[in-house]
PDB file of N, CA and C in Angstrom:
ATOM      1  N   MET A   1       0.835  -1.174   0.000  1.00  0.00           N
ATOM      2  CA  MET A   1       0.000   0.000   0.000  1.00  0.00           C
ATOM      3  C   MET A   1       0.887   1.246   0.000  1.00  0.00           C
ATOM      4  N   VAL A   2       0.604   2.165  -0.910  1.00  0.00           N
ATOM      5  CA  VAL A   2       1.359   3.415  -1.009  1.00  0.00           C
ATOM      6  C   VAL A   2       0.585   4.496  -0.265  1.00  0.00           C
ATOM      7  N   ARG A   3       1.288   5.196   0.589  1.00  0.00           N
ATOM      8  CA  ARG A   3       0.653   6.270   1.344  1.00  0.00           C
ATOM      9  C   ARG A   3       1.339   7.580   0.975  1.00  0.00           C
ATOM     10  N   CYS A   4       0.555   8.518   0.547  1.00  0.00           N
ATOM     11  CA  CYS A   4       1.096   9.814   0.143  1.00  0.00           C
ATOM     12  C   CYS A   4       0.422  10.898   0.967  1.00  0.00           C
ATOM     13  N   GLU A   5       1.201  11.652   1.680  1.00  0.00           N
ATOM     14  CA  GLU A   5       0.656  12.740   2.477  1.00  0.00           C
ATOM     15  C   GLU A   5       1.211  14.060   1.964  1.00  0.00           C
ATOM     16  N   VAL A   6       0.331  15.021   1.840  1.00  0.00           N
ATOM     17  CA  VAL A   6       0.739  16.341   1.378  1.00  0.00           C
ATOM     18  C   VAL A   6       0.270  17.366   2.401  1.00  0.00           C
ATOM     19  N   PHE A   7       1.157  18.256   2.771  1.00  0.00           N
ATOM     20  CA  PHE A   7       0.816  19.337   3.675  1.00  0.00           C
ATOM     21  C   PHE A   7       1.086  20.649   2.962  1.00  0.00           C
ATOM     22  N   LEU A   8       0.064  21.474   2.849  1.00  0.00           N
ATOM     23  CA  LEU A   8       0.215  22.782   2.218  1.00  0.00           C
ATOM     24  C   LEU A   8       0.214  23.857   3.300  1.00  0.00           C
ATOM     25  N   VAL A   9       1.220  24.675   3.292  1.00  0.00           N
ATOM     26  CA  VAL A   9       1.333  25.758   4.268  1.00  0.00           C
ATOM     27  C   VAL A   9       0.342  26.864   3.903  1.00  0.00           C
ATOM     28  N   GLN A  10      -0.332  27.403   4.893  1.00  0.00           N
ATOM     29  CA  GLN A  10      -1.245  28.516   4.657  1.00  0.00           C
ATOM     30  C   GLN A  10      -0.446  29.704   4.131  1.00  0.00           C
ATOM     31  N   THR A  11      -0.991  30.349   3.099  1.00  0.00           N
ATOM     32  CA  THR A  11      -0.284  31.449   2.460  1.00  0.00           C
ATOM     33  C   THR A  11      -1.211  32.648   2.322  1.00  0.00           C
ATOM     34  N   VAL A  12      -0.713  33.826   2.688  1.00  0.00           N
ATOM     35  CA  VAL A  12      -1.465  35.071   2.539  1.00  0.00           C
ATOM     36  C   VAL A  12      -0.681  35.970   1.591  1.00  0.00           C
ATOM     37  N   PHE A  13      -1.326  36.365   0.493  1.00  0.00           N
ATOM     38  CA  PHE A  13      -0.731  37.308  -0.454  1.00  0.00           C
ATOM     39  C   PHE A  13      -1.291  38.686  -0.140  1.00  0.00           C
ATOM     40  N   THR A  14      -0.407  39.661   0.089  1.00  0.00           N
ATOM     41  CA  THR A  14      -0.843  41.030   0.358  1.00  0.00           C
ATOM     42  C   THR A  14      -0.440  41.925  -0.811  1.00  0.00           C
ATOM     43  N   ASP A  15      -0.984  43.129  -0.825  1.00  0.00           N
ATOM     44  CA  ASP A  15      -0.712  44.108  -1.892  1.00  0.00           C
ATOM     45  C   ASP A  15      -1.049  43.532  -3.262  1.00  0.00           C
ATOM     46  N   VAL A  16      -2.123  42.767  -3.326  1.00  0.00           N
ATOM     47  CA  VAL A  16      -2.563  42.140  -4.574  1.00  0.00           C
ATOM     48  C   VAL A  16      -3.246  43.194  -5.444  1.00  0.00           C
ATOM     49  N   THR A  17      -3.060  43.087  -6.756  1.00  0.00           N
ATOM     50  CA  THR A  17      -3.742  43.968  -7.714  1.00  0.00           C
ATOM     51  C   THR A  17      -4.676  43.120  -8.577  1.00  0.00           C
ATOM     52  N   PRO A  18      -5.671  43.741  -9.215  1.00  0.00           N
ATOM     53  CA  PRO A  18      -6.616  42.984 -10.036  1.00  0.00           C
ATOM     54  C   PRO A  18      -5.972  42.273 -11.226  1.00  0.00           C
ATOM     55  N   GLN A  19      -4.784  42.674 -11.626  1.00  0.00           N
ATOM     56  CA  GLN A  19      -4.117  42.056 -12.772  1.00  0.00           C
ATOM     57  C   GLN A  19      -3.359  40.778 -12.398  1.00  0.00           C
ATOM     58  N   MET A  20      -3.140  40.531 -11.138  1.00  0.00           N
ATOM     59  CA  MET A  20      -2.342  39.380 -10.702  1.00  0.00           C
ATOM     60  C   MET A  20      -3.130  38.071 -10.843  1.00  0.00           C
ATOM     61  N   ALA A  21      -2.418  37.010 -11.212  1.00  0.00           N
ATOM     62  CA  ALA A  21      -3.035  35.686 -11.370  1.00  0.00           C
ATOM     63  C   ALA A  21      -3.659  35.205 -10.062  1.00  0.00           C
ATOM     64  N   VAL A  22      -3.041  35.535  -8.935  1.00  0.00           N
ATOM     65  CA  VAL A  22      -3.561  35.095  -7.645  1.00  0.00           C
ATOM     66  C   VAL A  22      -4.946  35.694  -7.377  1.00  0.00           C
ATOM     67  N   TRP A  23      -5.268  36.820  -8.005  1.00  0.00           N
ATOM     68  CA  TRP A  23      -6.588  37.443  -7.870  1.00  0.00           C
ATOM     69  C   TRP A  23      -7.545  36.959  -8.963  1.00  0.00           C
ATOM     70  N   ARG A  24      -7.039  36.733 -10.164  1.00  0.00           N
ATOM     71  CA  ARG A  24      -7.882  36.415 -11.322  1.00  0.00           C
ATOM     72  C   ARG A  24      -8.252  34.942 -11.442  1.00  0.00           C
ATOM     73  N   GLU A  25      -7.440  34.047 -10.885  1.00  0.00           N
ATOM     74  CA  GLU A  25      -7.634  32.610 -11.106  1.00  0.00           C
ATOM     75  C   GLU A  25      -7.934  31.883  -9.804  1.00  0.00           C
ATOM     76  N   GLU A  26      -8.635  30.768  -9.929  1.00  0.00           N
ATOM     77  CA  GLU A  26      -8.922  29.949  -8.756  1.00  0.00           C
ATOM     78  C   GLU A  26      -7.650  29.246  -8.302  1.00  0.00           C
ATOM     79  N   ILE A  27      -7.418  29.285  -7.015  1.00  0.00           N
ATOM     80  CA  ILE A  27      -6.280  28.590  -6.439  1.00  0.00           C
ATOM     81  C   ILE A  27      -6.838  27.619  -5.405  1.00  0.00           C
ATOM     82  N   PHE A  28      -6.447  26.372  -5.508  1.00  0.00           N
ATOM     83  CA  PHE A  28      -6.936  25.371  -4.572  1.00  0.00           C
ATOM     84  C   PHE A  28      -5.879  25.134  -3.502  1.00  0.00           C
ATOM     85  N   GLY A  29      -6.242  25.430  -2.298  1.00  0.00           N
ATOM     86  CA  GLY A  29      -5.319  25.286  -1.184  1.00  0.00           C
ATOM     87  C   GLY A  29      -5.590  26.368  -0.162  1.00  0.00           C
ATOM     88  N   PRO A  30      -4.869  26.347   0.919  1.00  0.00           N
ATOM     89  CA  PRO A  30      -5.071  27.340   1.977  1.00  0.00           C
ATOM     90  C   PRO A  30      -4.413  28.675   1.596  1.00  0.00           C
ATOM     91  N   VAL A  31      -5.072  29.413   0.693  1.00  0.00           N
ATOM     92  CA  VAL A  31      -4.511  30.658   0.156  1.00  0.00           C
ATOM     93  C   VAL A  31      -5.516  31.792   0.343  1.00  0.00           C
ATOM     94  N   LEU A  32      -5.027  32.949   0.713  1.00  0.00           N
ATOM     95  CA  LEU A  32      -5.851  34.143   0.846  1.00  0.00           C
ATOM     96  C   LEU A  32      -5.173  35.280   0.099  1.00  0.00           C
ATOM     97  N   ALA A  33      -5.907  35.904  -0.825  1.00  0.00           N
ATOM     98  CA  ALA A  33      -5.410  37.079  -1.542  1.00  0.00           C
ATOM     99  C   ALA A  33      -6.085  38.308  -0.936  1.00  0.00           C
ATOM    100  N   VAL A  34      -5.289  39.281  -0.494  1.00  0.00           N
ATOM    101  CA  VAL A  34      -5.812  40.465   0.179  1.00  0.00           C
ATOM    102  C   VAL A  34      -5.605  41.686  -0.701  1.00  0.00           C
ATOM    103  N   MET A  35      -6.713  42.383  -0.971  1.00  0.00           N
ATOM    104  CA  MET A  35      -6.651  43.612  -1.751  1.00  0.00           C
ATOM    105  C   MET A  35      -7.481  44.673  -1.033  1.00  0.00           C
ATOM    106  N   THR A  36      -6.993  45.886  -1.014  1.00  0.00           N
ATOM    107  CA  THR A  36      -7.727  46.971  -0.369  1.00  0.00           C
ATOM    108  C   THR A  36      -8.609  47.684  -1.383  1.00  0.00           C
ATOM    109  N   PHE A  37      -9.559  48.442  -0.868  1.00  0.00           N
ATOM    110  CA  PHE A  37     -10.443  49.250  -1.709  1.00  0.00           C
ATOM    111  C   PHE A  37     -10.776  50.522  -0.946  1.00  0.00           C
ATOM    112  N   ARG A  38     -11.230  51.523  -1.687  1.00  0.00           N
ATOM    113  CA  ARG A  38     -11.530  52.818  -1.055  1.00  0.00           C
ATOM    114  C   ARG A  38     -13.027  53.064  -0.890  1.00  0.00           C
ATOM    115  N   THR A  39     -13.841  52.540  -1.797  1.00  0.00           N
ATOM    116  CA  THR A  39     -15.283  52.797  -1.731  1.00  0.00           C
ATOM    117  C   THR A  39     -16.060  51.488  -1.801  1.00  0.00           C
ATOM    118  N   GLU A  40     -17.301  51.548  -1.373  1.00  0.00           N
ATOM    119  CA  GLU A  40     -18.180  50.383  -1.456  1.00  0.00           C
ATOM    120  C   GLU A  40     -18.374  49.955  -2.909  1.00  0.00           C
ATOM    121  N   ALA A  41     -18.502  50.922  -3.807  1.00  0.00           N
ATOM    122  CA  ALA A  41     -18.671  50.605  -5.229  1.00  0.00           C
ATOM    123  C   ALA A  41     -17.446  49.882  -5.781  1.00  0.00           C
ATOM    124  N   GLU A  42     -16.259  50.313  -5.384  1.00  0.00           N
ATOM    125  CA  GLU A  42     -15.033  49.645  -5.826  1.00  0.00           C
ATOM    126  C   GLU A  42     -14.967  48.216  -5.285  1.00  0.00           C
ATOM    127  N   ALA A  43     -15.366  48.024  -4.026  1.00  0.00           N
ATOM    128  CA  ALA A  43     -15.356  46.684  -3.430  1.00  0.00           C
ATOM    129  C   ALA A  43     -16.294  45.750  -4.189  1.00  0.00           C
ATOM    130  N   LEU A  44     -17.485  46.228  -4.521  1.00  0.00           N
ATOM    131  CA  LEU A  44     -18.440  45.411  -5.273  1.00  0.00           C
ATOM    132  C   LEU A  44     -17.922  45.106  -6.673  1.00  0.00           C
ATOM    133  N   SER A  45     -17.306  46.078  -7.305  1.00  0.00           N
ATOM    134  CA  SER A  45     -16.739  45.868  -8.635  1.00  0.00           C
ATOM    135  C   SER A  45     -15.649  44.802  -8.602  1.00  0.00           C
ATOM    136  N   LEU A  46     -14.773  44.863  -7.619  1.00  0.00           N
ATOM    137  CA  LEU A  46     -13.704  43.868  -7.475  1.00  0.00           C
ATOM    138  C   LEU A  46     -14.282  42.485  -7.183  1.00  0.00           C
ATOM    139  N   ALA A  47     -15.272  42.423  -6.313  1.00  0.00           N
ATOM    140  CA  ALA A  47     -15.862  41.135  -5.937  1.00  0.00           C
ATOM    141  C   ALA A  47     -16.598  40.489  -7.108  1.00  0.00           C
ATOM    142  N   ASN A  48     -17.214  41.300  -7.952  1.00  0.00           N
ATOM    143  CA  ASN A  48     -18.008  40.767  -9.064  1.00  0.00           C
ATOM    144  C   ASN A  48     -17.209  40.574 -10.347  1.00  0.00           C
ATOM    145  N   ASP A  49     -15.961  40.964 -10.380  1.00  0.00           N
ATOM    146  CA  ASP A  49     -15.143  40.883 -11.587  1.00  0.00           C
ATOM    147  C   ASP A  49     -14.413  39.538 -11.667  1.00  0.00           C
ATOM    148  N   SER A  50     -15.190  38.469 -11.817  1.00  0.00           N
ATOM    149  CA  SER A  50     -14.605  37.125 -11.894  1.00  0.00           C
ATOM    150  C   SER A  50     -15.499  36.239 -12.755  1.00  0.00           C
ATOM    151  N   PRO A  51     -14.904  35.450 -13.648  1.00  0.00           N
ATOM    152  CA  PRO A  51     -15.705  34.526 -14.445  1.00  0.00           C
ATOM    153  C   PRO A  51     -16.105  33.282 -13.657  1.00  0.00           C
ATOM    154  N   PHE A  52     -15.571  33.122 -12.447  1.00  0.00           N
ATOM    155  CA  PHE A  52     -15.845  31.957 -11.626  1.00  0.00           C
ATOM    156  C   PHE A  52     -17.004  32.230 -10.677  1.00  0.00           C
ATOM    157  N   GLY A  53     -17.725  31.217 -10.303  1.00  0.00           N
ATOM    158  CA  GLY A  53     -18.790  31.332  -9.310  1.00  0.00           C
ATOM    159  C   GLY A  53     -18.199  31.093  -7.930  1.00  0.00           C
ATOM    160  N   LEU A  54     -17.427  32.033  -7.456  1.00  0.00           N
ATOM    161  CA  LEU A  54     -16.685  31.854  -6.221  1.00  0.00           C
ATOM    162  C   LEU A  54     -17.575  32.052  -5.001  1.00  0.00           C
ATOM    163  N   ALA A  55     -17.222  31.396  -3.933  1.00  0.00           N
ATOM    164  CA  ALA A  55     -17.903  31.602  -2.660  1.00  0.00           C
ATOM    165  C   ALA A  55     -17.478  32.947  -2.092  1.00  0.00           C
ATOM    166  N   ALA A  56     -18.284  33.486  -1.215  1.00  0.00           N
ATOM    167  CA  ALA A  56     -17.958  34.785  -0.638  1.00  0.00           C
ATOM    168  C   ALA A  56     -18.400  34.826   0.812  1.00  0.00           C
ATOM    169  N   ALA A  57     -17.718  35.646   1.590  1.00  0.00           N
ATOM    170  CA  ALA A  57     -18.062  35.812   2.995  1.00  0.00           C
ATOM    171  C   ALA A  57     -17.770  37.235   3.414  1.00  0.00           C
ATOM    172  N   VAL A  58     -18.506  37.690   4.409  1.00  0.00           N
ATOM    173  CA  VAL A  58     -18.284  39.012   4.979  1.00  0.00           C
ATOM    174  C   VAL A  58     -18.119  38.833   6.475  1.00  0.00           C
ATOM    175  N   ARG A  59     -17.073  39.422   7.009  1.00  0.00           N
ATOM    176  CA  ARG A  59     -16.850  39.345   8.457  1.00  0.00           C
ATOM    177  C   ARG A  59     -17.131  40.715   9.053  1.00  0.00           C
ATOM    178  N   LEU A  60     -18.021  40.739  10.034  1.00  0.00           N
ATOM    179  CA  LEU A  60     -18.412  41.985  10.687  1.00  0.00           C
ATOM    180  C   LEU A  60     -17.912  41.981  12.127  1.00  0.00           C
ATOM    181  N   PRO A  61     -17.707  43.168  12.666  1.00  0.00           N
ATOM    182  CA  PRO A  61     -17.288  43.233  14.074  1.00  0.00           C
ATOM    183  C   PRO A  61     -18.403  42.728  14.987  1.00  0.00           C
ATOM    184  N   SER A  62     -18.025  42.309  16.145  1.00  0.00           N
ATOM    185  CA  SER A  62     -19.012  41.843  17.113  1.00  0.00           C
ATOM    186  C   SER A  62     -18.881  42.712  18.361  1.00  0.00           C
ATOM    187  N   PRO A  63     -19.886  43.434  18.767  1.00  0.00           N
ATOM    188  CA  PRO A  63     -21.195  43.538  18.142  1.00  0.00           C
ATOM    189  C   PRO A  63     -21.126  44.357  16.852  1.00  0.00           C
ATOM    190  N   PRO A  64     -22.078  44.125  15.919  1.00  0.00           N
ATOM    191  CA  PRO A  64     -22.044  44.821  14.626  1.00  0.00           C
ATOM    192  C   PRO A  64     -22.094  46.342  14.797  1.00  0.00           C
ATOM    193  N   SER A  65     -21.404  47.027  13.909  1.00  0.00           N
ATOM    194  CA  SER A  65     -21.374  48.487  13.954  1.00  0.00           C
ATOM    195  C   SER A  65     -22.536  49.055  13.142  1.00  0.00           C
ATOM    196  N   SER A  66     -22.576  50.359  13.031  1.00  0.00           N
ATOM    197  CA  SER A  66     -23.638  51.019  12.276  1.00  0.00           C
ATOM    198  C   SER A  66     -23.532  50.745  10.781  1.00  0.00           C
ATOM    199  N   ALA A  67     -22.406  50.195  10.339  1.00  0.00           N
ATOM    200  CA  ALA A  67     -22.228  49.880   8.917  1.00  0.00           C
ATOM    201  C   ALA A  67     -22.975  48.609   8.523  1.00  0.00           C
ATOM    202  N   LEU A  68     -23.632  47.940   9.474  1.00  0.00           N
ATOM    203  CA  LEU A  68     -24.303  46.677   9.185  1.00  0.00           C
ATOM    204  C   LEU A  68     -25.369  46.826   8.107  1.00  0.00           C
ATOM    205  N   CYS A  69     -26.203  47.847   8.171  1.00  0.00           N
ATOM    206  CA  CYS A  69     -27.259  48.029   7.163  1.00  0.00           C
ATOM    207  C   CYS A  69     -26.662  48.220   5.776  1.00  0.00           C
ATOM    208  N   ARG A  70     -25.614  49.017   5.665  1.00  0.00           N
ATOM    209  CA  ARG A  70     -24.960  49.239   4.380  1.00  0.00           C
ATOM    210  C   ARG A  70     -24.344  47.938   3.869  1.00  0.00           C
ATOM    211  N   THR A  71     -23.754  47.165   4.746  1.00  0.00           N
ATOM    212  CA  THR A  71     -23.148  45.894   4.360  1.00  0.00           C
ATOM    213  C   THR A  71     -24.210  44.928   3.866  1.00  0.00           C
ATOM    214  N   GLN A  72     -25.325  44.834   4.563  1.00  0.00           N
ATOM    215  CA  GLN A  72     -26.402  43.940   4.134  1.00  0.00           C
ATOM    216  C   GLN A  72     -26.929  44.356   2.769  1.00  0.00           C
ATOM    217  N   SER A  73     -27.031  45.634   2.502  1.00  0.00           N
ATOM    218  CA  SER A  73     -27.454  46.121   1.194  1.00  0.00           C
ATOM    219  C   SER A  73     -26.473  45.712   0.116  1.00  0.00           C
ATOM    220  N   SER A  74     -25.196  45.789   0.415  1.00  0.00           N
ATOM    221  CA  SER A  74     -24.149  45.419  -0.567  1.00  0.00           C
ATOM    222  C   SER A  74     -24.191  43.936  -0.883  1.00  0.00           C
ATOM    223  N   LEU A  75     -24.528  43.115   0.093  1.00  0.00           N
ATOM    224  CA  LEU A  75     -24.538  41.670  -0.137  1.00  0.00           C
ATOM    225  C   LEU A  75     -25.478  41.275  -1.256  1.00  0.00           C
ATOM    226  N   HIS A  76     -26.577  41.987  -1.400  1.00  0.00           N
ATOM    227  CA  HIS A  76     -27.551  41.652  -2.439  1.00  0.00           C
ATOM    228  C   HIS A  76     -27.036  42.013  -3.833  1.00  0.00           C
ATOM    229  N   ARG A  77     -26.029  42.838  -3.913  1.00  0.00           N
ATOM    230  CA  ARG A  77     -25.477  43.247  -5.216  1.00  0.00           C
ATOM    231  C   ARG A  77     -24.230  42.447  -5.597  1.00  0.00           C
ATOM    232  N   ARG A  78     -23.840  41.527  -4.749  1.00  0.00           N
ATOM    233  CA  ARG A  78     -22.652  40.720  -5.000  1.00  0.00           C
ATOM    234  C   ARG A  78     -23.052  39.432  -5.696  1.00  0.00           C
ATOM    235  N   ARG A  79     -22.274  39.030  -6.703  1.00  0.00           N
ATOM    236  CA  ARG A  79     -22.537  37.780  -7.424  1.00  0.00           C
ATOM    237  C   ARG A  79     -21.547  36.734  -6.924  1.00  0.00           C
ATOM    238  N   ALA A  80     -22.044  35.737  -6.236  1.00  0.00           N
ATOM    239  CA  ALA A  80     -21.164  34.678  -5.722  1.00  0.00           C
ATOM    240  C   ALA A  80     -21.892  33.348  -5.827  1.00  0.00           C
ATOM    241  N   GLY A  81     -21.103  32.277  -5.924  1.00  0.00           N
ATOM    242  CA  GLY A  81     -21.676  30.939  -6.059  1.00  0.00           C
ATOM    243  C   GLY A  81     -22.072  30.356  -4.745  1.00  0.00           C
TER     244      GLY A  81
END
């Protein structure tokens, strides 16, 4: 019996731009690409600019801040699988 074990180290990419492959393509593994944005419209544009049906999540502070209503509104405009 052949036993093969693979361990992938968690990787965080920072200072990512929309042109980078790590942002444009699906990567399978414990990888996080971090990109900043200045406006809600820019964030939605970045989130929706993908040919893939990617999963999405939003993390809010606990307890939620006053931005909760705006965040909930944005969720309905996001296209995710």
